[in-house]
N, C-alpha and C. Protein backbone atom coordinates (compact mmCIF):
# COMPACT_ATOMS: atom_id res chain seq x y z
N MET A 1 49.67 175.14 194.06
CA MET A 1 49.12 176.46 193.86
C MET A 1 47.65 176.32 193.47
N GLN A 2 46.79 177.12 194.04
CA GLN A 2 45.38 176.99 193.77
C GLN A 2 45.01 177.60 192.43
N GLN A 3 44.02 177.01 191.75
CA GLN A 3 43.62 177.47 190.43
C GLN A 3 42.92 178.82 190.49
N GLU A 4 41.98 178.98 191.38
CA GLU A 4 41.31 180.26 191.51
C GLU A 4 41.54 180.74 192.92
N GLY A 5 42.33 181.77 193.06
CA GLY A 5 42.68 182.24 194.39
C GLY A 5 41.73 183.31 194.86
N SER A 6 41.26 183.13 196.06
CA SER A 6 40.41 184.17 196.63
C SER A 6 41.26 185.17 197.36
N GLY A 7 42.55 184.88 197.48
CA GLY A 7 43.43 185.80 198.18
C GLY A 7 43.41 185.57 199.68
N ARG A 8 42.58 184.64 200.16
CA ARG A 8 42.47 184.41 201.60
C ARG A 8 43.08 183.06 201.94
N ARG A 9 43.88 183.05 202.96
CA ARG A 9 44.46 181.80 203.46
C ARG A 9 44.04 181.69 204.92
N SER A 10 43.72 180.52 205.34
CA SER A 10 43.17 180.33 206.68
C SER A 10 44.13 180.79 207.77
N GLY A 11 43.65 181.72 208.59
CA GLY A 11 44.38 182.14 209.77
C GLY A 11 45.52 183.12 209.55
N LEU A 12 45.91 183.38 208.31
CA LEU A 12 47.03 184.28 208.06
C LEU A 12 46.53 185.69 207.77
N LYS A 13 47.25 186.67 208.29
CA LYS A 13 46.91 188.06 207.99
C LYS A 13 47.49 188.39 206.62
N MET A 14 46.68 188.99 205.76
CA MET A 14 47.12 189.27 204.40
C MET A 14 47.97 190.54 204.36
N ALA A 15 48.96 190.51 203.50
CA ALA A 15 49.85 191.66 203.32
C ALA A 15 49.18 192.67 202.40
N ALA A 16 49.58 193.90 202.59
CA ALA A 16 49.06 194.96 201.73
C ALA A 16 50.09 195.25 200.65
N ILE A 17 49.62 195.51 199.47
CA ILE A 17 50.49 195.87 198.35
C ILE A 17 50.59 197.38 198.35
N ARG A 18 51.79 197.89 198.57
CA ARG A 18 52.03 199.33 198.64
C ARG A 18 52.08 199.88 197.21
N ILE A 19 51.20 200.85 196.93
CA ILE A 19 51.13 201.46 195.60
C ILE A 19 51.85 202.81 195.62
N THR A 20 51.41 203.67 196.53
CA THR A 20 52.03 204.97 196.76
C THR A 20 52.19 205.09 198.27
N PRO A 21 52.87 206.14 198.75
CA PRO A 21 52.98 206.28 200.21
C PRO A 21 51.61 206.34 200.92
N ARG A 22 50.58 206.80 200.21
CA ARG A 22 49.26 206.94 200.83
C ARG A 22 48.28 205.83 200.47
N ILE A 23 48.58 205.07 199.41
CA ILE A 23 47.64 204.05 198.95
C ILE A 23 48.28 202.66 199.04
N ALA A 24 47.56 201.76 199.72
CA ALA A 24 47.96 200.36 199.79
C ALA A 24 46.71 199.51 199.59
N ILE A 25 46.85 198.42 198.86
CA ILE A 25 45.71 197.55 198.58
C ILE A 25 45.92 196.23 199.29
N ASP A 26 44.91 195.79 200.01
CA ASP A 26 44.96 194.51 200.70
C ASP A 26 44.90 193.39 199.66
N GLU A 27 45.71 192.38 199.81
CA GLU A 27 45.73 191.27 198.85
C GLU A 27 44.38 190.57 198.77
N ALA A 28 43.59 190.67 199.82
CA ALA A 28 42.27 190.03 199.82
C ALA A 28 41.34 190.66 198.79
N GLU A 29 41.66 191.87 198.33
CA GLU A 29 40.84 192.54 197.32
C GLU A 29 41.12 192.03 195.91
N LEU A 30 42.18 191.26 195.74
CA LEU A 30 42.56 190.76 194.42
C LEU A 30 42.04 189.34 194.23
N ARG A 31 41.57 189.06 193.04
CA ARG A 31 41.16 187.70 192.67
C ARG A 31 42.05 187.29 191.50
N GLU A 32 42.66 186.12 191.62
CA GLU A 32 43.52 185.63 190.55
C GLU A 32 42.99 184.29 190.06
N ARG A 33 43.00 184.16 188.76
CA ARG A 33 42.56 182.91 188.15
C ARG A 33 43.62 182.54 187.12
N PHE A 34 44.07 181.30 187.15
CA PHE A 34 45.09 180.86 186.20
C PHE A 34 44.42 180.07 185.09
N VAL A 35 44.74 180.47 183.85
CA VAL A 35 44.14 179.86 182.67
C VAL A 35 45.22 179.42 181.70
N LEU A 36 44.84 178.58 180.75
CA LEU A 36 45.80 178.14 179.74
C LEU A 36 46.21 179.34 178.89
N ALA A 37 47.49 179.43 178.61
CA ALA A 37 48.01 180.56 177.85
C ALA A 37 48.38 180.14 176.45
N THR A 38 48.34 181.10 175.54
CA THR A 38 48.86 180.86 174.19
C THR A 38 50.31 181.31 174.20
N GLY A 39 51.02 181.04 173.13
CA GLY A 39 52.38 181.53 173.03
C GLY A 39 53.43 180.53 173.46
N PRO A 40 54.59 181.01 173.93
CA PRO A 40 55.72 180.13 174.22
C PRO A 40 55.42 179.15 175.35
N GLY A 41 56.07 178.01 175.30
CA GLY A 41 55.90 177.03 176.36
C GLY A 41 55.95 175.61 175.87
N GLY A 42 55.98 175.41 174.55
CA GLY A 42 56.05 174.05 174.01
C GLY A 42 54.82 173.25 174.41
N GLN A 43 55.01 171.99 174.73
CA GLN A 43 53.89 171.13 175.13
C GLN A 43 53.32 171.56 176.47
N ASN A 44 54.15 172.23 177.25
CA ASN A 44 53.73 172.70 178.57
C ASN A 44 52.52 173.63 178.48
N VAL A 45 52.42 174.37 177.35
CA VAL A 45 51.35 175.35 177.19
C VAL A 45 49.97 174.69 177.20
N ASN A 46 49.89 173.43 176.78
CA ASN A 46 48.60 172.73 176.76
C ASN A 46 48.27 172.03 178.06
N LYS A 47 49.22 171.97 178.98
CA LYS A 47 49.02 171.21 180.21
C LYS A 47 48.87 172.08 181.45
N VAL A 48 49.61 173.18 181.50
CA VAL A 48 49.67 173.98 182.72
C VAL A 48 49.04 175.35 182.49
N ALA A 49 48.18 175.75 183.41
CA ALA A 49 47.54 177.06 183.32
C ALA A 49 48.52 178.11 183.84
N THR A 50 49.25 178.76 182.93
CA THR A 50 50.29 179.71 183.35
C THR A 50 49.83 181.17 183.25
N ALA A 51 48.86 181.45 182.39
CA ALA A 51 48.39 182.83 182.26
C ALA A 51 47.56 183.19 183.49
N VAL A 52 47.67 184.43 183.92
CA VAL A 52 46.90 184.86 185.09
C VAL A 52 45.89 185.93 184.67
N GLN A 53 44.70 185.80 185.22
CA GLN A 53 43.65 186.80 185.04
C GLN A 53 43.45 187.43 186.41
N LEU A 54 43.87 188.66 186.55
CA LEU A 54 43.79 189.37 187.82
C LEU A 54 42.55 190.26 187.82
N ARG A 55 41.74 190.15 188.86
CA ARG A 55 40.53 190.97 188.98
C ARG A 55 40.61 191.82 190.24
N PHE A 56 40.28 193.11 190.06
CA PHE A 56 40.29 194.05 191.18
C PHE A 56 39.03 194.88 191.09
N ASP A 57 38.21 194.85 192.15
CA ASP A 57 36.94 195.57 192.17
C ASP A 57 37.19 197.04 192.50
N VAL A 58 37.33 197.83 191.46
CA VAL A 58 37.62 199.26 191.62
C VAL A 58 36.45 199.97 192.28
N ALA A 59 35.24 199.66 191.83
CA ALA A 59 34.05 200.35 192.31
C ALA A 59 33.81 200.19 193.81
N ARG A 60 34.18 199.03 194.37
CA ARG A 60 33.89 198.77 195.78
C ARG A 60 35.13 198.69 196.67
N SER A 61 36.27 199.05 196.15
CA SER A 61 37.50 198.94 196.94
C SER A 61 37.56 199.99 198.05
N PRO A 62 37.73 199.56 199.31
CA PRO A 62 37.85 200.53 200.40
C PRO A 62 39.23 201.19 200.45
N SER A 63 40.17 200.67 199.69
CA SER A 63 41.54 201.16 199.72
C SER A 63 41.77 202.42 198.87
N LEU A 64 40.86 202.69 197.95
CA LEU A 64 41.07 203.81 197.03
C LEU A 64 40.30 205.06 197.45
N PRO A 65 40.98 206.21 197.50
CA PRO A 65 40.26 207.47 197.73
C PRO A 65 39.35 207.75 196.52
N GLU A 66 38.27 208.45 196.73
CA GLU A 66 37.28 208.67 195.67
C GLU A 66 37.85 209.31 194.41
N PRO A 67 38.69 210.36 194.49
CA PRO A 67 39.22 210.94 193.25
C PRO A 67 40.07 209.94 192.45
N VAL A 68 40.83 209.12 193.16
CA VAL A 68 41.67 208.11 192.50
C VAL A 68 40.77 207.07 191.83
N ARG A 69 39.71 206.67 192.53
CA ARG A 69 38.77 205.68 191.99
C ARG A 69 38.16 206.19 190.68
N GLN A 70 37.73 207.46 190.67
CA GLN A 70 37.11 208.03 189.47
C GLN A 70 38.09 208.07 188.30
N ARG A 71 39.33 208.48 188.58
CA ARG A 71 40.33 208.53 187.50
C ARG A 71 40.69 207.13 187.01
N LEU A 72 40.75 206.15 187.93
CA LEU A 72 41.06 204.77 187.55
C LEU A 72 39.94 204.18 186.69
N LEU A 73 38.70 204.46 187.04
CA LEU A 73 37.57 203.98 186.24
C LEU A 73 37.66 204.54 184.82
N ALA A 74 38.09 205.80 184.70
CA ALA A 74 38.22 206.42 183.38
C ALA A 74 39.42 205.84 182.61
N LEU A 75 40.51 205.58 183.32
CA LEU A 75 41.73 205.05 182.69
C LEU A 75 41.58 203.60 182.23
N ALA A 76 40.80 202.83 182.94
CA ALA A 76 40.72 201.39 182.70
C ALA A 76 40.17 201.05 181.32
N GLY A 77 39.24 201.83 180.81
CA GLY A 77 38.70 201.60 179.47
C GLY A 77 38.04 200.24 179.32
N LYS A 78 38.47 199.49 178.31
CA LYS A 78 37.86 198.20 177.99
C LYS A 78 38.21 197.11 179.00
N ARG A 79 39.17 197.38 179.86
CA ARG A 79 39.56 196.37 180.86
C ARG A 79 38.61 196.35 182.04
N LEU A 80 37.60 197.19 182.01
CA LEU A 80 36.65 197.32 183.11
C LEU A 80 35.34 196.63 182.75
N THR A 81 34.78 195.85 183.69
CA THR A 81 33.47 195.22 183.46
C THR A 81 32.38 196.21 183.82
N ARG A 82 31.16 195.86 183.51
CA ARG A 82 30.02 196.74 183.84
C ARG A 82 29.90 196.98 185.34
N ASN A 83 30.33 196.01 186.13
CA ASN A 83 30.23 196.11 187.59
C ASN A 83 31.37 196.88 188.21
N GLY A 84 32.28 197.42 187.40
CA GLY A 84 33.40 198.18 187.94
C GLY A 84 34.56 197.33 188.39
N VAL A 85 34.71 196.13 187.81
CA VAL A 85 35.82 195.24 188.13
C VAL A 85 36.86 195.35 187.03
N LEU A 86 38.09 195.65 187.42
CA LEU A 86 39.20 195.77 186.49
C LEU A 86 39.78 194.38 186.25
N VAL A 87 39.91 193.97 184.99
CA VAL A 87 40.44 192.65 184.64
C VAL A 87 41.72 192.83 183.84
N LEU A 88 42.83 192.29 184.38
CA LEU A 88 44.12 192.35 183.70
C LEU A 88 44.58 190.93 183.39
N MET A 89 45.04 190.72 182.16
CA MET A 89 45.57 189.42 181.75
C MET A 89 47.08 189.52 181.59
N ALA A 90 47.80 188.53 182.11
CA ALA A 90 49.25 188.46 181.93
C ALA A 90 49.60 187.06 181.46
N ARG A 91 50.18 186.96 180.27
CA ARG A 91 50.50 185.64 179.72
C ARG A 91 51.84 185.62 179.01
N ARG A 92 52.66 186.64 179.22
CA ARG A 92 53.93 186.77 178.52
C ARG A 92 54.94 185.70 178.92
N HIS A 93 54.96 185.34 180.20
CA HIS A 93 55.98 184.43 180.71
C HIS A 93 55.49 182.99 180.75
N ARG A 94 56.43 182.07 180.91
CA ARG A 94 56.08 180.65 180.94
C ARG A 94 55.68 180.16 182.32
N SER A 95 55.92 180.95 183.35
CA SER A 95 55.58 180.49 184.70
C SER A 95 54.45 181.32 185.29
N GLN A 96 53.65 180.65 186.11
CA GLN A 96 52.53 181.31 186.79
C GLN A 96 53.05 182.48 187.62
N GLU A 97 54.12 182.24 188.35
CA GLU A 97 54.62 183.24 189.30
C GLU A 97 55.05 184.52 188.59
N ARG A 98 55.76 184.38 187.48
CA ARG A 98 56.22 185.58 186.76
C ARG A 98 55.04 186.33 186.15
N ASN A 99 54.05 185.61 185.63
CA ASN A 99 52.84 186.25 185.10
C ASN A 99 52.07 186.95 186.21
N ARG A 100 52.03 186.32 187.36
CA ARG A 100 51.35 186.90 188.53
C ARG A 100 52.02 188.20 188.95
N ILE A 101 53.34 188.21 188.99
CA ILE A 101 54.11 189.41 189.35
C ILE A 101 53.86 190.51 188.32
N GLU A 102 53.85 190.14 187.03
CA GLU A 102 53.62 191.13 185.98
C GLU A 102 52.23 191.75 186.09
N ALA A 103 51.21 190.92 186.34
CA ALA A 103 49.84 191.42 186.45
C ALA A 103 49.71 192.40 187.62
N ARG A 104 50.32 192.06 188.75
CA ARG A 104 50.27 192.95 189.91
C ARG A 104 51.03 194.24 189.66
N ALA A 105 52.15 194.15 188.96
CA ALA A 105 52.93 195.35 188.64
C ALA A 105 52.13 196.27 187.72
N ARG A 106 51.42 195.69 186.75
CA ARG A 106 50.60 196.50 185.84
C ARG A 106 49.45 197.16 186.58
N LEU A 107 48.85 196.43 187.54
CA LEU A 107 47.78 197.01 188.35
C LEU A 107 48.32 198.18 189.16
N ALA A 108 49.47 197.99 189.81
CA ALA A 108 50.07 199.04 190.62
C ALA A 108 50.38 200.27 189.77
N GLU A 109 50.90 200.05 188.56
CA GLU A 109 51.25 201.17 187.68
C GLU A 109 50.00 201.93 187.25
N LEU A 110 48.93 201.21 186.97
CA LEU A 110 47.67 201.85 186.58
C LEU A 110 47.11 202.69 187.73
N ILE A 111 47.18 202.17 188.94
CA ILE A 111 46.68 202.91 190.11
C ILE A 111 47.58 204.13 190.37
N ARG A 112 48.91 203.95 190.22
CA ARG A 112 49.83 205.09 190.39
C ARG A 112 49.50 206.21 189.40
N GLU A 113 49.21 205.82 188.17
CA GLU A 113 48.85 206.81 187.15
C GLU A 113 47.56 207.53 187.52
N ALA A 114 46.59 206.79 188.07
CA ALA A 114 45.32 207.39 188.48
C ALA A 114 45.48 208.25 189.73
N ALA A 115 46.50 207.95 190.54
CA ALA A 115 46.72 208.69 191.79
C ALA A 115 47.26 210.10 191.53
N GLU A 116 47.87 210.30 190.37
CA GLU A 116 48.40 211.63 190.06
C GLU A 116 47.28 212.50 189.51
N PRO A 117 46.98 213.61 190.19
CA PRO A 117 45.92 214.48 189.68
C PRO A 117 46.35 215.11 188.36
N PRO A 118 45.40 215.32 187.45
CA PRO A 118 45.76 215.91 186.16
C PRO A 118 46.26 217.34 186.34
N ALA A 119 47.18 217.73 185.50
CA ALA A 119 47.72 219.10 185.57
C ALA A 119 46.62 220.08 185.19
N GLU A 120 46.55 221.17 185.94
CA GLU A 120 45.53 222.16 185.64
C GLU A 120 45.88 222.90 184.36
N ARG A 121 44.88 223.10 183.53
CA ARG A 121 45.10 223.78 182.27
C ARG A 121 45.06 225.28 182.52
N ARG A 122 46.07 225.94 181.99
CA ARG A 122 46.10 227.40 182.09
C ARG A 122 45.65 227.97 180.76
N ALA A 123 44.63 228.79 180.81
CA ALA A 123 44.12 229.39 179.58
C ALA A 123 45.15 230.37 179.02
N THR A 124 45.39 230.28 177.73
CA THR A 124 46.32 231.20 177.08
C THR A 124 45.63 231.83 175.87
N ARG A 125 46.14 232.97 175.45
CA ARG A 125 45.57 233.63 174.27
C ARG A 125 46.47 233.39 173.08
N VAL A 126 45.84 233.38 171.90
CA VAL A 126 46.62 233.24 170.67
C VAL A 126 47.34 234.56 170.44
N PRO A 127 48.65 234.55 170.19
CA PRO A 127 49.38 235.80 169.94
C PRO A 127 48.84 236.53 168.71
N ARG A 128 48.87 237.84 168.77
CA ARG A 128 48.34 238.68 167.69
C ARG A 128 49.00 238.36 166.35
N GLY A 129 50.32 238.17 166.37
CA GLY A 129 51.05 237.86 165.14
C GLY A 129 50.59 236.55 164.50
N GLU A 130 50.33 235.54 165.33
CA GLU A 130 49.86 234.25 164.82
C GLU A 130 48.48 234.39 164.17
N LYS A 131 47.61 235.15 164.82
CA LYS A 131 46.27 235.37 164.31
C LYS A 131 46.34 236.06 162.95
N LYS A 132 47.19 237.07 162.86
CA LYS A 132 47.36 237.85 161.63
C LYS A 132 47.88 236.95 160.51
N LYS A 133 48.87 236.11 160.82
CA LYS A 133 49.47 235.20 159.85
C LYS A 133 48.42 234.20 159.34
N ARG A 134 47.60 233.68 160.25
CA ARG A 134 46.57 232.71 159.87
C ARG A 134 45.55 233.35 158.93
N LEU A 135 45.08 234.53 159.28
CA LEU A 135 44.08 235.20 158.45
C LEU A 135 44.65 235.58 157.09
N GLU A 136 45.90 235.99 157.05
CA GLU A 136 46.56 236.33 155.78
C GLU A 136 46.65 235.09 154.89
N GLY A 137 46.99 233.97 155.49
CA GLY A 137 47.05 232.71 154.75
C GLY A 137 45.69 232.33 154.17
N LYS A 138 44.63 232.56 154.94
CA LYS A 138 43.28 232.27 154.47
C LYS A 138 42.92 233.17 153.28
N ARG A 139 43.29 234.46 153.38
CA ARG A 139 43.01 235.40 152.28
C ARG A 139 43.74 234.98 151.01
N THR A 140 45.00 234.60 151.16
CA THR A 140 45.80 234.18 150.01
C THR A 140 45.20 232.94 149.35
N ARG A 141 44.81 231.99 150.17
CA ARG A 141 44.22 230.74 149.66
C ARG A 141 42.90 231.03 148.95
N ALA A 142 42.06 231.89 149.52
CA ALA A 142 40.78 232.24 148.91
C ALA A 142 41.01 232.92 147.55
N GLN A 143 42.01 233.80 147.49
CA GLN A 143 42.34 234.50 146.24
C GLN A 143 42.76 233.49 145.17
N THR A 144 43.60 232.54 145.54
CA THR A 144 44.07 231.50 144.61
C THR A 144 42.87 230.72 144.06
N LYS A 145 41.93 230.37 144.93
CA LYS A 145 40.77 229.59 144.50
C LYS A 145 39.85 230.43 143.60
N ARG A 146 39.72 231.70 143.91
CA ARG A 146 38.89 232.59 143.07
C ARG A 146 39.47 232.66 141.65
N LEU A 147 40.78 232.71 141.54
CA LEU A 147 41.43 232.83 140.22
C LEU A 147 41.30 231.55 139.39
N ARG A 148 40.99 230.42 140.04
CA ARG A 148 40.83 229.16 139.31
C ARG A 148 39.49 229.07 138.58
N GLY A 149 38.55 229.91 138.94
CA GLY A 149 37.22 229.84 138.34
C GLY A 149 37.23 230.28 136.88
N ARG A 150 36.08 230.16 136.24
CA ARG A 150 35.96 230.59 134.85
C ARG A 150 36.04 232.10 134.78
N PRO A 151 36.66 232.60 133.73
CA PRO A 151 36.73 234.07 133.59
C PRO A 151 35.33 234.63 133.28
N PRO A 152 35.08 235.86 133.68
CA PRO A 152 33.74 236.44 133.42
C PRO A 152 33.54 236.62 131.91
N ARG A 153 32.32 236.39 131.47
CA ARG A 153 31.99 236.52 130.03
C ARG A 153 31.79 237.96 129.67
N ASP A 154 32.32 238.36 128.53
CA ASP A 154 32.08 239.70 128.02
C ASP A 154 30.94 239.67 127.02
N ASP A 155 29.85 240.26 127.34
CA ASP A 155 28.68 240.26 126.43
C ASP A 155 28.51 241.56 125.74
């Protein structure tokens, strides 16, 4: 297995990773790098690079529609580099393959979440009874605070 995968193999057509019925990402758009992982693995943890660092260029990906790209850039948060590259780390498992599968699954889930347009907000009014109750509570509280003050002096 190669240490830093460019996703390209000589002469083979790359498979697309199906995210939604309308969105598929070509494997060539993913960059994987295997690094030493912390955590379980015994002595193996110091010898074999099992953790995977998955990179996906959100800003330049031809596979993403523009609205999905914008939502994904917003969702990514700290996992996004200045250049618009999404970096996901997977190190939970002891094998490269399982970490690789987990990283890809997390990427797919993030893109699926970005693919769903946000629900439109419907403006609502505060019910009259609620408004009345709130203002009454404020009056009661103000009265209580007024009564805590010093009594007026009789001169």
